[in-house]
Amino acid sequence: WLQALFVLVFRSKAVPATASTADVFGVAVEAARFSGDATVRKGGLTLLATLIGVDAELWSRLPPASAPQAMNTLRALANAEPEKELRELAGRLAKAIDDAQASAMPATGGGIEDVV
């Protein structure tokens, strides 16, 4: 299911009209934090990276708690994930989210830490 969502988002460069952006984002975050299988975590991180990469308006379509929730997951993975590749990917994604949030803030605003 992660693979199918990834292919749909990657090829169409958007979340399919039949799915909620928040739902797809939630699936990606939940898969990324799944403790049972590194393959599932990698799929979640890949889907999350694709969502961030293809949807410039992503943050405006998500509930306000989505970015902090994703950041908590990504920071935890960046610090404690046993797989080096996934630790590095989580760290890069956390930086991308932080940068996206900072650029979306007013000129006087900061990054996601100011929101949390």
N, C-alpha and C. Protein backbone atom coordinates (compact mmCIF):
# COMPACT_ATOMS: atom_id res chain seq x y z
N TRP A 1 0.81 -1.19 0.00
CA TRP A 1 0.00 0.00 0.00
C TRP A 1 0.85 1.25 0.00
N LEU A 2 1.98 1.21 0.71
CA LEU A 2 2.89 2.36 0.68
C LEU A 2 3.44 2.57 -0.72
N GLN A 3 3.81 1.46 -1.36
CA GLN A 3 4.34 1.53 -2.73
C GLN A 3 3.31 2.14 -3.67
N ALA A 4 2.06 1.72 -3.56
CA ALA A 4 1.01 2.25 -4.43
C ALA A 4 0.82 3.74 -4.20
N LEU A 5 0.77 4.17 -2.94
CA LEU A 5 0.64 5.60 -2.66
C LEU A 5 1.83 6.38 -3.21
N PHE A 6 3.03 5.83 -3.01
CA PHE A 6 4.23 6.49 -3.51
C PHE A 6 4.15 6.69 -5.02
N VAL A 7 3.80 5.63 -5.74
CA VAL A 7 3.73 5.71 -7.21
C VAL A 7 2.69 6.74 -7.64
N LEU A 8 1.53 6.74 -7.00
CA LEU A 8 0.48 7.70 -7.35
C LEU A 8 0.94 9.14 -7.12
N VAL A 9 1.53 9.39 -5.97
CA VAL A 9 1.98 10.75 -5.65
C VAL A 9 3.14 11.15 -6.54
N PHE A 10 4.08 10.25 -6.73
CA PHE A 10 5.26 10.57 -7.52
C PHE A 10 4.90 10.85 -8.98
N ARG A 11 4.08 10.02 -9.55
CA ARG A 11 3.74 10.19 -10.98
C ARG A 11 2.81 11.36 -11.23
N SER A 12 1.87 11.58 -10.34
CA SER A 12 0.92 12.67 -10.57
C SER A 12 1.41 14.00 -9.99
N LYS A 13 2.48 13.94 -9.20
CA LYS A 13 3.05 15.12 -8.54
C LYS A 13 2.04 15.78 -7.61
N ALA A 14 1.12 14.98 -7.08
CA ALA A 14 0.12 15.47 -6.14
C ALA A 14 -0.56 14.27 -5.48
N VAL A 15 -1.26 14.55 -4.39
CA VAL A 15 -2.06 13.51 -3.76
C VAL A 15 -3.28 13.28 -4.65
N PRO A 16 -3.62 12.02 -4.94
CA PRO A 16 -4.79 11.76 -5.80
C PRO A 16 -6.05 12.41 -5.24
N ALA A 17 -6.92 12.86 -6.12
CA ALA A 17 -8.15 13.55 -5.71
C ALA A 17 -9.04 12.66 -4.84
N THR A 18 -8.88 11.37 -4.94
CA THR A 18 -9.72 10.45 -4.17
C THR A 18 -9.22 10.26 -2.74
N ALA A 19 -8.09 10.88 -2.40
CA ALA A 19 -7.53 10.73 -1.06
C ALA A 19 -7.34 12.10 -0.42
N SER A 20 -7.41 12.13 0.87
CA SER A 20 -7.16 13.35 1.63
C SER A 20 -5.65 13.51 1.81
N THR A 21 -5.15 14.72 1.60
CA THR A 21 -3.73 15.00 1.81
C THR A 21 -3.33 14.65 3.25
N ALA A 22 -4.17 15.03 4.19
CA ALA A 22 -3.88 14.74 5.60
C ALA A 22 -3.82 13.24 5.86
N ASP A 23 -4.69 12.47 5.20
CA ASP A 23 -4.67 11.01 5.38
C ASP A 23 -3.40 10.39 4.82
N VAL A 24 -3.01 10.81 3.63
CA VAL A 24 -1.78 10.27 3.02
C VAL A 24 -0.57 10.67 3.86
N PHE A 25 -0.54 11.91 4.32
CA PHE A 25 0.55 12.38 5.19
C PHE A 25 0.58 11.55 6.47
N GLY A 26 -0.60 11.30 7.06
CA GLY A 26 -0.67 10.50 8.28
C GLY A 26 -0.19 9.08 8.08
N VAL A 27 -0.53 8.48 6.95
CA VAL A 27 -0.04 7.14 6.63
C VAL A 27 1.49 7.15 6.54
N ALA A 28 2.04 8.15 5.91
CA ALA A 28 3.50 8.23 5.76
C ALA A 28 4.18 8.35 7.13
N VAL A 29 3.65 9.21 7.98
CA VAL A 29 4.25 9.40 9.32
C VAL A 29 4.11 8.14 10.16
N GLU A 30 2.93 7.52 10.13
CA GLU A 30 2.73 6.28 10.90
C GLU A 30 3.65 5.16 10.42
N ALA A 31 3.81 5.04 9.11
CA ALA A 31 4.71 4.01 8.58
C ALA A 31 6.15 4.31 8.98
N ALA A 32 6.53 5.58 8.97
CA ALA A 32 7.90 5.94 9.34
C ALA A 32 8.20 5.58 10.79
N ARG A 33 7.20 5.64 11.64
CA ARG A 33 7.46 5.33 13.06
C ARG A 33 7.18 3.86 13.41
N PHE A 34 6.82 3.05 12.42
CA PHE A 34 6.51 1.64 12.64
C PHE A 34 7.76 0.90 13.13
N SER A 35 7.67 0.30 14.30
CA SER A 35 8.86 -0.31 14.90
C SER A 35 9.15 -1.72 14.40
N GLY A 36 8.20 -2.36 13.75
CA GLY A 36 8.36 -3.76 13.41
C GLY A 36 9.24 -4.07 12.21
N ASP A 37 9.40 -3.14 11.28
CA ASP A 37 10.06 -3.49 10.04
C ASP A 37 10.72 -2.26 9.41
N ALA A 38 12.03 -2.35 9.19
CA ALA A 38 12.76 -1.23 8.58
C ALA A 38 12.26 -0.92 7.18
N THR A 39 11.76 -1.91 6.46
CA THR A 39 11.24 -1.69 5.11
C THR A 39 10.01 -0.79 5.15
N VAL A 40 9.15 -1.01 6.14
CA VAL A 40 7.96 -0.16 6.29
C VAL A 40 8.38 1.25 6.66
N ARG A 41 9.34 1.39 7.59
CA ARG A 41 9.83 2.73 7.97
C ARG A 41 10.42 3.45 6.77
N LYS A 42 11.18 2.73 5.96
CA LYS A 42 11.77 3.33 4.76
C LYS A 42 10.66 3.76 3.79
N GLY A 43 9.64 2.94 3.62
CA GLY A 43 8.53 3.30 2.75
C GLY A 43 7.82 4.55 3.24
N GLY A 44 7.62 4.65 4.54
CA GLY A 44 6.99 5.84 5.12
C GLY A 44 7.83 7.08 4.90
N LEU A 45 9.14 6.97 5.13
CA LEU A 45 10.03 8.11 4.91
C LEU A 45 10.07 8.51 3.45
N THR A 46 10.07 7.53 2.57
CA THR A 46 10.09 7.81 1.13
C THR A 46 8.81 8.51 0.69
N LEU A 47 7.67 8.03 1.18
CA LEU A 47 6.41 8.67 0.85
C LEU A 47 6.36 10.09 1.40
N LEU A 48 6.83 10.27 2.62
CA LEU A 48 6.87 11.60 3.22
C LEU A 48 7.77 12.54 2.41
N ALA A 49 8.94 12.05 2.01
CA ALA A 49 9.85 12.86 1.19
C ALA A 49 9.20 13.24 -0.13
N THR A 50 8.48 12.32 -0.72
CA THR A 50 7.81 12.59 -1.99
C THR A 50 6.72 13.64 -1.82
N LEU A 51 5.93 13.52 -0.76
CA LEU A 51 4.89 14.52 -0.50
C LEU A 51 5.50 15.91 -0.35
N ILE A 52 6.56 15.98 0.43
CA ILE A 52 7.22 17.27 0.66
C ILE A 52 7.80 17.81 -0.64
N GLY A 53 8.36 16.92 -1.45
CA GLY A 53 9.02 17.34 -2.67
C GLY A 53 8.09 17.76 -3.80
N VAL A 54 6.91 17.17 -3.88
CA VAL A 54 6.04 17.46 -5.02
C VAL A 54 4.93 18.45 -4.73
N ASP A 55 4.66 18.74 -3.46
CA ASP A 55 3.52 19.58 -3.13
C ASP A 55 3.96 20.83 -2.39
N ALA A 56 4.11 21.93 -3.13
CA ALA A 56 4.55 23.19 -2.54
C ALA A 56 3.53 23.74 -1.53
N GLU A 57 2.28 23.35 -1.66
CA GLU A 57 1.22 23.84 -0.78
C GLU A 57 0.86 22.83 0.32
N LEU A 58 1.70 21.83 0.51
CA LEU A 58 1.39 20.76 1.45
C LEU A 58 1.01 21.28 2.83
N TRP A 59 1.80 22.17 3.39
CA TRP A 59 1.59 22.61 4.77
C TRP A 59 0.31 23.40 4.93
N SER A 60 -0.16 24.05 3.88
CA SER A 60 -1.41 24.80 3.99
C SER A 60 -2.63 23.88 3.96
N ARG A 61 -2.47 22.64 3.52
CA ARG A 61 -3.58 21.70 3.44
C ARG A 61 -3.61 20.70 4.61
N LEU A 62 -2.68 20.84 5.50
CA LEU A 62 -2.62 19.91 6.63
C LEU A 62 -3.06 20.60 7.92
N PRO A 63 -3.57 19.83 8.87
CA PRO A 63 -3.88 20.41 10.18
C PRO A 63 -2.61 20.98 10.82
N PRO A 64 -2.74 22.01 11.64
CA PRO A 64 -1.56 22.65 12.24
C PRO A 64 -0.64 21.71 13.01
N ALA A 65 -1.17 20.65 13.58
CA ALA A 65 -0.35 19.73 14.37
C ALA A 65 0.48 18.78 13.51
N SER A 66 0.25 18.76 12.21
CA SER A 66 0.94 17.79 11.35
C SER A 66 2.45 17.97 11.30
N ALA A 67 2.90 19.20 11.14
CA ALA A 67 4.35 19.44 11.07
C ALA A 67 5.04 19.08 12.38
N PRO A 68 4.53 19.52 13.54
CA PRO A 68 5.18 19.10 14.79
C PRO A 68 5.18 17.59 14.99
N GLN A 69 4.08 16.92 14.60
CA GLN A 69 4.01 15.47 14.72
C GLN A 69 5.08 14.81 13.84
N ALA A 70 5.19 15.29 12.62
CA ALA A 70 6.21 14.74 11.72
C ALA A 70 7.60 15.01 12.26
N MET A 71 7.82 16.21 12.76
CA MET A 71 9.15 16.55 13.30
C MET A 71 9.51 15.65 14.48
N ASN A 72 8.58 15.39 15.37
CA ASN A 72 8.86 14.51 16.50
C ASN A 72 9.26 13.12 16.02
N THR A 73 8.54 12.60 15.05
CA THR A 73 8.86 11.29 14.49
C THR A 73 10.22 11.30 13.84
N LEU A 74 10.48 12.30 13.01
CA LEU A 74 11.75 12.36 12.28
C LEU A 74 12.94 12.56 13.20
N ARG A 75 12.79 13.39 14.19
CA ARG A 75 13.89 13.60 15.15
C ARG A 75 14.18 12.33 15.93
N ALA A 76 13.12 11.62 16.33
CA ALA A 76 13.32 10.36 17.04
C ALA A 76 14.05 9.36 16.16
N LEU A 77 13.66 9.27 14.89
CA LEU A 77 14.33 8.36 13.97
C LEU A 77 15.77 8.79 13.71
N ALA A 78 15.99 10.08 13.54
CA ALA A 78 17.34 10.59 13.27
C ALA A 78 18.28 10.29 14.43
N ASN A 79 17.73 10.19 15.63
CA ASN A 79 18.56 9.93 16.82
C ASN A 79 18.66 8.47 17.20
N ALA A 80 17.65 7.66 16.88
CA ALA A 80 17.63 6.31 17.44
C ALA A 80 17.43 5.19 16.43
N GLU A 81 17.21 5.51 15.16
CA GLU A 81 16.99 4.47 14.15
C GLU A 81 18.24 3.61 13.99
N PRO A 82 18.11 2.27 14.08
CA PRO A 82 19.28 1.40 13.94
C PRO A 82 19.90 1.43 12.54
N GLU A 83 19.10 1.66 11.51
CA GLU A 83 19.61 1.66 10.13
C GLU A 83 20.18 3.04 9.79
N LYS A 84 21.46 3.08 9.45
CA LYS A 84 22.13 4.35 9.16
C LYS A 84 21.44 5.12 8.03
N GLU A 85 21.07 4.44 6.96
CA GLU A 85 20.42 5.09 5.82
C GLU A 85 19.12 5.79 6.25
N LEU A 86 18.35 5.12 7.10
CA LEU A 86 17.09 5.70 7.55
C LEU A 86 17.32 6.84 8.53
N ARG A 87 18.34 6.74 9.39
CA ARG A 87 18.70 7.85 10.28
C ARG A 87 19.02 9.09 9.47
N GLU A 88 19.84 8.91 8.43
CA GLU A 88 20.24 10.05 7.60
C GLU A 88 19.05 10.64 6.84
N LEU A 89 18.20 9.78 6.30
CA LEU A 89 17.02 10.25 5.58
C LEU A 89 16.09 11.02 6.52
N ALA A 90 15.89 10.50 7.72
CA ALA A 90 15.04 11.18 8.70
C ALA A 90 15.61 12.55 9.05
N GLY A 91 16.92 12.64 9.21
CA GLY A 91 17.56 13.92 9.51
C GLY A 91 17.38 14.92 8.37
N ARG A 92 17.54 14.46 7.14
CA ARG A 92 17.36 15.36 5.98
C ARG A 92 15.91 15.82 5.86
N LEU A 93 14.98 14.91 6.11
CA LEU A 93 13.57 15.28 6.05
C LEU A 93 13.21 16.27 7.15
N ALA A 94 13.74 16.07 8.34
CA ALA A 94 13.48 17.02 9.44
C ALA A 94 13.97 18.41 9.06
N LYS A 95 15.13 18.48 8.44
CA LYS A 95 15.67 19.77 8.00
C LYS A 95 14.78 20.37 6.91
N ALA A 96 14.32 19.56 5.99
CA ALA A 96 13.45 20.05 4.91
C ALA A 96 12.14 20.61 5.47
N ILE A 97 11.56 19.92 6.44
CA ILE A 97 10.32 20.40 7.05
C ILE A 97 10.58 21.69 7.81
N ASP A 98 11.66 21.72 8.56
CA ASP A 98 12.00 22.93 9.30
C ASP A 98 12.21 24.11 8.35
N ASP A 99 12.93 23.87 7.26
CA ASP A 99 13.16 24.93 6.27
C ASP A 99 11.86 25.38 5.63
N ALA A 100 10.98 24.43 5.30
CA ALA A 100 9.69 24.78 4.69
C ALA A 100 8.84 25.58 5.65
N GLN A 101 8.83 25.20 6.90
CA GLN A 101 8.07 25.94 7.90
C GLN A 101 8.64 27.34 8.12
N ALA A 102 9.95 27.44 8.13
CA ALA A 102 10.59 28.75 8.31
C ALA A 102 10.26 29.68 7.14
N SER A 103 10.25 29.16 5.94
CA SER A 103 9.96 30.00 4.78
C SER A 103 8.48 30.36 4.72
N ALA A 104 7.62 29.58 5.37
CA ALA A 104 6.19 29.88 5.38
C ALA A 104 5.82 30.86 6.49
N MET A 105 6.73 31.07 7.43
CA MET A 105 6.46 31.99 8.53
C MET A 105 6.61 33.43 8.05
N PRO A 106 5.96 34.37 8.73
CA PRO A 106 6.19 35.78 8.41
C PRO A 106 7.66 36.14 8.59
N ALA A 107 8.07 37.26 8.04
CA ALA A 107 9.47 37.67 8.07
C ALA A 107 10.03 37.70 9.47
N THR A 108 9.21 37.90 10.47
CA THR A 108 9.70 37.96 11.85
C THR A 108 9.71 36.58 12.51
N GLY A 109 9.14 35.59 11.84
CA GLY A 109 8.99 34.27 12.45
C GLY A 109 10.21 33.41 12.31
N GLY A 110 10.17 32.31 13.06
CA GLY A 110 11.25 31.34 13.01
C GLY A 110 10.78 30.03 12.46
N GLY A 111 11.43 28.96 12.87
CA GLY A 111 11.11 27.63 12.37
C GLY A 111 10.04 26.96 13.19
N ILE A 112 9.96 25.69 13.03
CA ILE A 112 8.92 24.91 13.69
C ILE A 112 9.06 24.94 15.20
N GLU A 113 10.27 25.16 15.71
CA GLU A 113 10.46 25.21 17.14
C GLU A 113 9.64 26.32 17.77
N ASP A 114 9.39 27.40 17.03
CA ASP A 114 8.58 28.50 17.54
C ASP A 114 7.12 28.12 17.64
N VAL A 115 6.71 27.11 16.89
CA VAL A 115 5.32 26.68 16.89
C VAL A 115 5.07 25.67 17.99
N VAL A 116 6.04 24.83 18.26
CA VAL A 116 5.89 23.72 19.20
C VAL A 116 5.91 24.17 20.63
